[in-house]
N, C-alpha and C. Protein backbone atom coordinates (compact mmCIF):
# COMPACT_ATOMS: atom_id res chain seq x y z
N UNK A 1 10.20 -1.95 -16.03
CA UNK A 1 11.36 -2.12 -15.32
C UNK A 1 11.49 -3.19 -13.95
N UNK A 2 12.27 -4.21 -14.17
CA UNK A 2 12.21 -5.27 -13.35
C UNK A 2 13.34 -4.83 -12.13
N UNK A 3 13.09 -5.26 -11.01
CA UNK A 3 14.43 -4.93 -9.76
C UNK A 3 14.13 -6.29 -9.05
N UNK A 4 15.71 -6.58 -9.29
CA UNK A 4 15.93 -7.64 -8.33
C UNK A 4 16.17 -7.40 -7.10
N UNK A 5 15.24 -7.95 -5.90
CA UNK A 5 15.74 -7.29 -4.73
C UNK A 5 15.36 -8.52 -3.70
N UNK A 6 16.42 -8.91 -2.65
CA UNK A 6 16.03 -10.00 -1.93
C UNK A 6 15.57 -9.13 -0.67
N UNK A 7 14.22 -9.43 -0.37
CA UNK A 7 13.79 -8.76 0.97
C UNK A 7 14.71 -8.62 2.28
N UNK A 8 14.94 -7.72 2.93
CA UNK A 8 15.34 -7.55 3.99
C UNK A 8 14.44 -7.21 5.17
N UNK A 9 14.85 -7.35 6.51
CA UNK A 9 14.03 -6.71 7.66
C UNK A 9 13.44 -5.31 7.54
N UNK A 10 12.40 -5.14 7.55
CA UNK A 10 11.75 -3.90 7.32
C UNK A 10 11.54 -3.41 5.93
N UNK A 11 11.83 -4.46 4.89
CA UNK A 11 11.64 -3.85 3.51
C UNK A 11 9.98 -4.21 3.15
N UNK A 12 9.53 -3.19 2.65
CA UNK A 12 8.40 -3.19 2.03
C UNK A 12 7.96 -2.74 0.66
N UNK A 13 7.35 -3.27 -0.25
CA UNK A 13 7.01 -3.04 -1.61
C UNK A 13 6.73 -1.62 -1.98
N UNK A 14 6.15 -1.30 -1.34
CA UNK A 14 5.52 0.20 -1.83
C UNK A 14 6.43 1.30 -1.58
N UNK A 15 7.49 0.99 -0.56
CA UNK A 15 8.46 2.02 -0.14
C UNK A 15 9.38 2.14 -1.19
N UNK A 16 9.92 0.43 -1.59
CA UNK A 16 11.05 0.46 -2.87
C UNK A 16 10.00 1.05 -4.41
N UNK A 17 9.00 0.37 -4.38
CA UNK A 17 8.60 1.10 -5.63
C UNK A 17 8.57 2.53 -5.82
N UNK A 18 8.26 3.25 -4.53
CA UNK A 18 8.26 4.66 -4.77
C UNK A 18 9.75 5.13 -4.82
N UNK A 19 10.72 4.63 -4.19
CA UNK A 19 12.17 4.72 -4.40
C UNK A 19 12.61 4.70 -5.84
N UNK A 20 12.03 3.74 -6.51
CA UNK A 20 12.41 3.36 -7.55
C UNK A 20 11.47 4.24 -8.65
N UNK A 21 10.37 4.67 -8.33
CA UNK A 21 9.81 6.03 -9.29
C UNK A 21 10.34 7.11 -9.11
N UNK A 22 10.90 7.48 -8.03
CA UNK A 22 11.81 8.67 -7.89
C UNK A 22 12.97 8.60 -8.61
N UNK A 23 13.62 7.56 -8.41
CA UNK A 23 14.82 7.45 -9.64
C UNK A 23 14.72 7.68 -10.95
N UNK A 24 13.57 7.16 -11.15
CA UNK A 24 13.13 7.04 -12.72
C UNK A 24 12.84 8.43 -12.99
N UNK A 25 11.93 9.23 -12.61
CA UNK A 25 11.45 10.43 -12.90
C UNK A 25 12.67 11.45 -12.79
N UNK A 26 13.64 11.23 -11.72
CA UNK A 26 14.82 12.05 -11.72
C UNK A 26 15.62 11.99 -12.86
N UNK A 27 15.87 10.40 -13.17
CA UNK A 27 16.87 10.35 -14.32
C UNK A 27 16.23 10.71 -15.43
N UNK A 28 14.96 10.61 -15.72
CA UNK A 28 14.14 11.04 -17.06
C UNK A 28 14.39 12.53 -17.20
N UNK A 29 14.05 13.26 -16.00
CA UNK A 29 14.17 14.93 -16.15
C UNK A 29 15.57 15.29 -16.58
N UNK A 30 16.60 14.48 -15.91
CA UNK A 30 18.09 14.98 -16.24
C UNK A 30 18.66 14.76 -17.55
N UNK A 31 18.09 13.50 -18.21
CA UNK A 31 18.35 13.15 -19.39
C UNK A 31 17.53 13.74 -20.40
N UNK A 32 16.53 13.91 -20.37
CA UNK A 32 15.69 14.59 -21.45
C UNK A 32 14.74 15.54 -20.90
N UNK A 33 15.17 16.80 -20.29
CA UNK A 33 14.45 17.56 -19.49
C UNK A 33 13.24 18.23 -20.52
N UNK A 34 13.18 18.32 -21.83
CA UNK A 34 12.37 19.10 -22.66
C UNK A 34 11.18 17.95 -23.02
N UNK A 35 11.43 16.75 -22.83
CA UNK A 35 10.11 15.70 -23.20
C UNK A 35 9.35 15.37 -22.21
N UNK A 36 8.22 14.96 -22.56
CA UNK A 36 7.34 14.79 -21.62
C UNK A 36 7.45 13.59 -21.17
N UNK A 37 6.91 12.89 -20.03
CA UNK A 37 7.06 11.40 -19.72
C UNK A 37 5.82 10.92 -19.22
N UNK A 38 5.53 9.69 -19.16
CA UNK A 38 4.30 8.93 -18.55
C UNK A 38 4.92 8.05 -17.49
N UNK A 39 4.19 8.14 -16.22
CA UNK A 39 4.25 7.00 -15.50
C UNK A 39 3.26 6.54 -14.74
N UNK A 40 3.11 5.24 -14.81
CA UNK A 40 1.68 4.64 -13.97
C UNK A 40 2.33 4.12 -12.80
N UNK A 41 2.04 4.70 -11.62
CA UNK A 41 2.41 4.16 -10.57
C UNK A 41 1.14 3.61 -9.88
N UNK A 42 0.94 2.22 -9.73
CA UNK A 42 0.04 1.53 -9.26
C UNK A 42 0.68 0.80 -7.87
N UNK A 43 0.22 1.21 -6.94
CA UNK A 43 0.86 0.39 -5.33
C UNK A 43 -0.29 -0.71 -5.39
N UNK A 44 0.05 -1.57 -4.53
CA UNK A 44 -0.76 -2.60 -4.02
C UNK A 44 -1.88 -2.25 -2.62
N UNK A 45 -1.93 -1.04 -2.59
CA UNK A 45 -2.90 -0.74 -1.38
C UNK A 45 -4.11 -0.15 -2.13
N UNK A 46 -5.31 -0.55 -1.57
CA UNK A 46 -5.55 -1.17 -0.03
C UNK A 46 -5.95 -2.56 -0.52
N UNK A 47 -5.20 -3.50 -1.09
CA UNK A 47 -5.51 -4.76 -1.47
C UNK A 47 -5.09 -5.60 -0.55
N UNK A 48 -5.66 -7.07 -0.74
CA UNK A 48 -5.11 -7.86 -0.07
C UNK A 48 -3.90 -8.57 -0.47
N UNK A 49 -3.00 -9.07 0.20
CA UNK A 49 -3.01 -9.06 1.46
C UNK A 49 -2.56 -7.73 1.94
N UNK A 50 -3.15 -7.34 3.11
CA UNK A 50 -3.00 -6.36 3.85
C UNK A 50 -1.63 -5.88 4.53
N UNK A 51 -0.60 -5.92 4.30
CA UNK A 51 0.61 -5.88 4.83
C UNK A 51 1.07 -4.48 4.59
N UNK A 52 1.35 -3.84 6.05
CA UNK A 52 1.75 -2.66 6.01
C UNK A 52 3.04 -2.59 7.09
N UNK A 53 3.93 -1.85 6.79
CA UNK A 53 4.83 -1.79 8.16
C UNK A 53 4.46 -1.77 9.33
N UNK A 54 4.97 -2.03 10.49
CA UNK A 54 4.42 -2.15 11.82
C UNK A 54 4.28 -0.99 12.24
N UNK A 55 4.93 0.23 12.03
CA UNK A 55 4.92 1.40 12.53
C UNK A 55 3.77 2.07 12.17
N UNK A 56 3.18 1.60 11.03
CA UNK A 56 1.82 2.14 10.32
C UNK A 56 0.57 1.51 10.88
N UNK A 57 0.95 0.13 11.41
CA UNK A 57 -0.05 -0.23 12.29
C UNK A 57 -0.12 0.25 13.57
N UNK A 58 1.15 0.50 14.04
CA UNK A 58 1.13 0.73 15.67
C UNK A 58 0.15 2.18 15.91
N UNK A 59 0.26 3.32 14.81
CA UNK A 59 -0.46 4.64 14.87
C UNK A 59 -2.03 4.19 15.09
N UNK A 60 -2.66 3.00 14.79
CA UNK A 60 -4.17 2.99 15.12
C UNK A 60 -4.19 1.87 15.89
N UNK A 61 -3.26 1.43 16.80
CA UNK A 61 -3.76 0.58 17.90
C UNK A 61 -4.84 1.31 18.88
N UNK A 62 -6.06 0.29 19.01
CA UNK A 62 -6.92 0.54 19.73
C UNK A 62 -8.07 1.53 19.13
N UNK A 63 -7.66 1.90 18.09
CA UNK A 63 -8.95 2.88 17.51
C UNK A 63 -9.83 1.90 16.72
N UNK A 64 -9.73 0.50 16.52
CA UNK A 64 -10.58 -0.24 15.87
C UNK A 64 -11.51 -0.82 16.99
N UNK A 65 -11.49 -0.84 17.87
CA UNK A 65 -12.28 -1.56 19.12
C UNK A 65 -13.63 -1.26 19.02
N UNK A 66 -14.28 -0.37 17.85
CA UNK A 66 -15.56 -0.35 18.03
C UNK A 66 -16.51 -1.51 17.48
N UNK A 67 -15.73 -2.20 16.62
CA UNK A 67 -16.46 -3.41 16.18
C UNK A 67 -16.54 -3.21 14.40
N UNK A 68 -16.57 -4.29 13.97
CA UNK A 68 -16.56 -4.32 12.40
C UNK A 68 -17.68 -3.62 11.65
N UNK A 69 -18.84 -3.48 12.02
CA UNK A 69 -19.93 -2.94 11.64
C UNK A 69 -19.65 -1.38 11.49
N UNK A 70 -19.19 -0.81 12.53
CA UNK A 70 -18.82 0.64 12.48
C UNK A 70 -17.56 0.99 11.76
N UNK A 71 -16.81 -0.08 12.09
CA UNK A 71 -15.35 0.38 11.65
C UNK A 71 -15.20 0.13 9.90
N UNK A 72 -16.10 -0.82 9.49
CA UNK A 72 -15.98 -0.49 8.03
C UNK A 72 -16.66 0.62 7.28
N UNK A 73 -17.42 1.54 8.13
CA UNK A 73 -18.07 2.76 7.73
C UNK A 73 -16.87 3.87 8.02
N UNK A 74 -15.71 3.89 8.42
CA UNK A 74 -15.13 4.77 9.06
C UNK A 74 -13.56 4.64 8.24
N UNK A 75 -13.07 3.71 7.85
CA UNK A 75 -11.53 3.77 7.85
C UNK A 75 -11.08 2.94 6.69
N UNK A 76 -9.93 3.12 6.13
CA UNK A 76 -9.04 2.27 5.43
C UNK A 76 -7.61 1.95 6.42
N UNK A 77 -7.52 2.90 7.23
CA UNK A 77 -6.17 2.86 8.23
C UNK A 77 -4.94 2.91 7.65
N UNK A 78 -4.13 1.99 8.34
CA UNK A 78 -2.43 2.34 8.25
C UNK A 78 -2.20 2.22 6.39
N UNK A 79 -2.72 1.21 5.85
CA UNK A 79 -2.16 1.09 4.63
C UNK A 79 -2.68 2.00 3.63
N UNK A 80 -3.60 2.42 3.80
CA UNK A 80 -4.12 4.07 3.01
C UNK A 80 -3.04 5.18 3.42
N UNK A 81 -3.19 5.23 4.58
CA UNK A 81 -2.14 6.55 4.95
C UNK A 81 -0.76 6.02 4.44
N UNK A 82 -0.06 5.09 4.66
CA UNK A 82 1.39 4.57 3.88
C UNK A 82 1.40 5.15 2.76
N UNK A 83 0.15 4.51 2.00
CA UNK A 83 0.32 4.88 0.56
C UNK A 83 0.19 6.21 0.37
N UNK A 84 -0.74 7.15 0.82
CA UNK A 84 -0.45 8.27 0.91
C UNK A 84 0.82 9.30 1.11
N UNK A 85 1.29 8.75 2.22
CA UNK A 85 2.69 8.91 2.58
C UNK A 85 3.73 8.60 1.36
N UNK A 86 3.66 7.59 0.39
CA UNK A 86 4.56 7.10 -0.35
C UNK A 86 4.20 7.98 -1.83
N UNK A 87 3.11 8.39 -1.95
CA UNK A 87 2.48 9.12 -3.09
C UNK A 87 2.83 10.50 -2.90
N UNK A 88 2.94 10.86 -1.63
CA UNK A 88 3.39 12.27 -1.43
C UNK A 88 4.97 12.49 -1.42
N UNK A 89 5.65 11.51 -1.37
CA UNK A 89 7.11 11.28 -1.65
C UNK A 89 7.39 11.59 -3.03
N UNK A 90 6.70 10.94 -3.92
CA UNK A 90 6.65 11.14 -5.33
C UNK A 90 6.26 12.69 -6.00
N UNK A 91 5.18 12.99 -5.61
CA UNK A 91 4.67 14.32 -5.71
C UNK A 91 5.68 15.41 -5.37
N UNK A 92 6.24 15.29 -4.20
CA UNK A 92 7.43 15.88 -3.62
C UNK A 92 8.66 16.14 -4.76
N UNK A 93 9.05 15.15 -5.09
CA UNK A 93 10.02 14.92 -6.24
C UNK A 93 9.74 15.61 -7.49
N UNK A 94 8.62 15.38 -7.98
CA UNK A 94 8.19 16.21 -9.16
C UNK A 94 8.36 17.87 -8.90
N UNK A 95 7.89 18.01 -7.69
CA UNK A 95 7.89 19.63 -7.58
C UNK A 95 9.57 19.89 -7.45
N UNK A 96 10.26 18.97 -6.75
CA UNK A 96 11.60 19.38 -6.53
C UNK A 96 12.58 19.44 -7.87
N UNK A 97 11.93 18.74 -8.86
CA UNK A 97 12.56 18.65 -10.49
C UNK A 97 11.89 19.64 -11.20
N UNK A 98 10.99 20.71 -10.62
CA UNK A 98 10.21 21.66 -11.51
C UNK A 98 9.30 21.00 -12.26
N UNK A 99 8.80 19.74 -12.10
CA UNK A 99 7.71 19.34 -13.15
C UNK A 99 6.48 19.10 -12.31
N UNK A 100 6.14 19.59 -11.35
CA UNK A 100 4.71 19.26 -11.06
C UNK A 100 3.69 20.22 -11.59
N UNK A 101 4.04 21.67 -11.77
CA UNK A 101 3.16 22.47 -12.37
C UNK A 101 3.16 21.95 -13.89
N UNK A 102 3.98 21.18 -14.34
CA UNK A 102 3.68 20.73 -15.62
C UNK A 102 3.30 19.57 -16.12
N UNK A 103 2.62 18.88 -15.11
CA UNK A 103 1.99 17.43 -15.00
C UNK A 103 0.41 17.42 -14.56
N UNK A 104 -0.02 16.35 -15.15
CA UNK A 104 -1.38 16.04 -15.11
C UNK A 104 -1.25 14.59 -14.06
N UNK A 105 -1.62 14.87 -12.83
CA UNK A 105 -1.47 13.94 -11.83
C UNK A 105 -2.87 13.30 -11.52
N UNK A 106 -3.11 12.06 -11.64
CA UNK A 106 -4.25 11.57 -11.19
C UNK A 106 -4.00 10.64 -10.03
N UNK A 107 -4.65 10.58 -9.10
CA UNK A 107 -4.35 10.00 -7.75
C UNK A 107 -5.66 9.00 -7.45
N UNK A 108 -5.71 7.84 -7.81
CA UNK A 108 -6.89 6.99 -7.29
C UNK A 108 -6.20 5.91 -6.61
N UNK A 109 -6.71 5.69 -5.29
CA UNK A 109 -6.48 4.63 -4.52
C UNK A 109 -7.95 3.91 -3.95
N UNK A 110 -7.95 2.73 -4.40
CA UNK A 110 -9.00 1.94 -3.98
C UNK A 110 -9.04 0.73 -4.05
N UNK A 111 -9.80 0.00 -4.03
CA UNK A 111 -9.93 -1.49 -4.51
C UNK A 111 -11.36 -1.71 -5.08
N UNK A 112 -11.42 -3.03 -5.14
CA UNK A 112 -12.88 -3.60 -5.88
C UNK A 112 -13.76 -3.85 -4.42
N UNK A 113 -13.61 -3.54 -3.34
CA UNK A 113 -14.36 -3.82 -2.32
C UNK A 113 -13.57 -4.39 -1.16
N UNK A 114 -14.28 -5.10 -0.27
CA UNK A 114 -13.77 -6.01 0.80
C UNK A 114 -13.65 -7.19 0.45
N UNK A 115 -12.29 -7.65 0.89
CA UNK A 115 -12.18 -9.18 0.69
C UNK A 115 -12.75 -10.23 1.54
N UNK A 116 -13.52 -11.36 0.99
CA UNK A 116 -14.30 -12.18 1.63
C UNK A 116 -13.72 -13.46 1.89
N UNK A 117 -12.53 -13.74 1.30
CA UNK A 117 -11.52 -14.93 1.57
C UNK A 117 -11.88 -15.42 2.77
N UNK A 118 -11.56 -14.70 3.98
CA UNK A 118 -11.49 -15.19 5.38
C UNK A 118 -12.78 -15.71 5.96
N UNK A 119 -14.04 -15.38 5.39
CA UNK A 119 -15.30 -15.30 5.51
C UNK A 119 -15.77 -14.26 6.83
N UNK A 120 -16.58 -14.25 7.63
CA UNK A 120 -16.99 -13.44 8.67
C UNK A 120 -15.90 -13.19 9.66
N UNK A 121 -15.07 -13.89 10.13
CA UNK A 121 -14.05 -14.07 11.13
C UNK A 121 -12.82 -13.76 10.65
N UNK A 122 -12.35 -13.83 9.22
CA UNK A 122 -11.10 -13.15 8.82
C UNK A 122 -10.20 -14.52 8.86
N UNK A 123 -9.08 -14.22 8.24
CA UNK A 123 -8.19 -15.19 7.95
C UNK A 123 -6.70 -14.51 8.07
N UNK A 124 -5.52 -15.36 8.63
CA UNK A 124 -4.24 -14.86 8.58
C UNK A 124 -3.58 -15.47 7.29
N UNK A 125 -4.28 -15.96 6.31
CA UNK A 125 -3.91 -16.69 5.26
C UNK A 125 -4.97 -16.84 4.39
N UNK A 126 -4.81 -16.19 3.07
CA UNK A 126 -5.71 -16.24 1.92
C UNK A 126 -5.71 -17.55 1.51
N UNK A 127 -4.73 -18.47 1.54
CA UNK A 127 -4.82 -19.76 1.13
C UNK A 127 -5.50 -20.51 1.70
N UNK A 128 -5.79 -20.30 2.89
CA UNK A 128 -6.79 -21.35 3.73
C UNK A 128 -8.21 -21.36 2.86
N UNK A 129 -8.65 -20.13 2.77
CA UNK A 129 -9.96 -19.99 1.93
C UNK A 129 -10.03 -20.64 0.28
N UNK A 130 -8.99 -20.23 -0.17
CA UNK A 130 -8.78 -20.99 -1.61
C UNK A 130 -8.81 -22.41 -1.56
N UNK A 131 -8.42 -22.98 -0.08
CA UNK A 131 -8.28 -24.41 -0.09
C UNK A 131 -9.55 -25.16 0.38
N UNK A 132 -10.76 -23.97 0.92
CA UNK A 132 -11.70 -24.50 1.42
C UNK A 132 -11.89 -24.59 2.76
N UNK A 133 -10.85 -23.82 3.45
CA UNK A 133 -10.88 -23.80 4.96
C UNK A 133 -11.32 -22.40 5.41
N UNK A 134 -12.66 -22.38 6.12
CA UNK A 134 -12.85 -21.39 6.78
C UNK A 134 -12.28 -21.08 8.25
N UNK A 135 -11.74 -19.97 8.36
CA UNK A 135 -10.80 -19.84 9.59
C UNK A 135 -12.02 -19.20 10.60
N UNK A 136 -11.48 -19.38 11.87
CA UNK A 136 -12.13 -19.18 13.04
C UNK A 136 -11.33 -18.05 13.79
N UNK A 137 -11.68 -17.25 14.42
CA UNK A 137 -11.25 -16.06 15.12
C UNK A 137 -10.09 -16.68 16.27
N UNK A 138 -10.53 -17.78 16.75
CA UNK A 138 -9.37 -18.31 17.81
C UNK A 138 -7.94 -18.62 17.12
N UNK A 139 -8.15 -19.00 15.91
CA UNK A 139 -7.16 -19.46 15.21
C UNK A 139 -6.47 -18.20 14.76
N UNK A 140 -6.79 -16.87 14.51
CA UNK A 140 -6.33 -15.87 14.03
C UNK A 140 -5.57 -15.31 15.11
N UNK A 141 -5.84 -15.38 16.41
CA UNK A 141 -5.18 -14.46 17.61
C UNK A 141 -3.98 -14.97 17.53
N UNK A 142 -3.39 -16.30 17.37
CA UNK A 142 -1.76 -16.67 17.82
C UNK A 142 -1.13 -16.00 16.44
N UNK A 143 -1.82 -15.50 15.45
CA UNK A 143 -1.06 -14.86 14.33
C UNK A 143 -1.37 -13.46 14.07
N UNK A 144 -1.81 -12.82 15.34
CA UNK A 144 -2.07 -11.33 14.85
C UNK A 144 -0.96 -10.46 14.71
N UNK A 145 0.39 -10.91 15.23
CA UNK A 145 1.78 -10.04 15.04
C UNK A 145 2.16 -10.50 13.37
N UNK A 146 1.66 -11.40 12.96
CA UNK A 146 1.96 -11.94 11.43
C UNK A 146 1.83 -10.81 10.58
């Protein structure tokens, strides 16, 4: 399914994707209630670029001041939680249309590991590393809200 969408302020692909999946599964159930269906619902989380809506970022403000070494052992934070929320919306719809107990549901969230594009100090733009530019922390701070 191809969905044409001009991003608007506050638009996020994971939310849009979940909305489309809920519409599709609801239509499928309404049109062919006795037929099985298959849905492959693969979000972008928690893969770079790590863009999550601001309200999901704000929930974690200050919680990661312990430093990278400890942080990487503890969490995936806002992007993972937002993904859990969106998958929960889809599960709730399966339940609402009476299909949850008749479904096999595999929920696998992950990635192939940490992204090294930005080097040890990170980057605000993955394309920098792809062009051989190693970012420095002082360059990043002006882009923290981006």
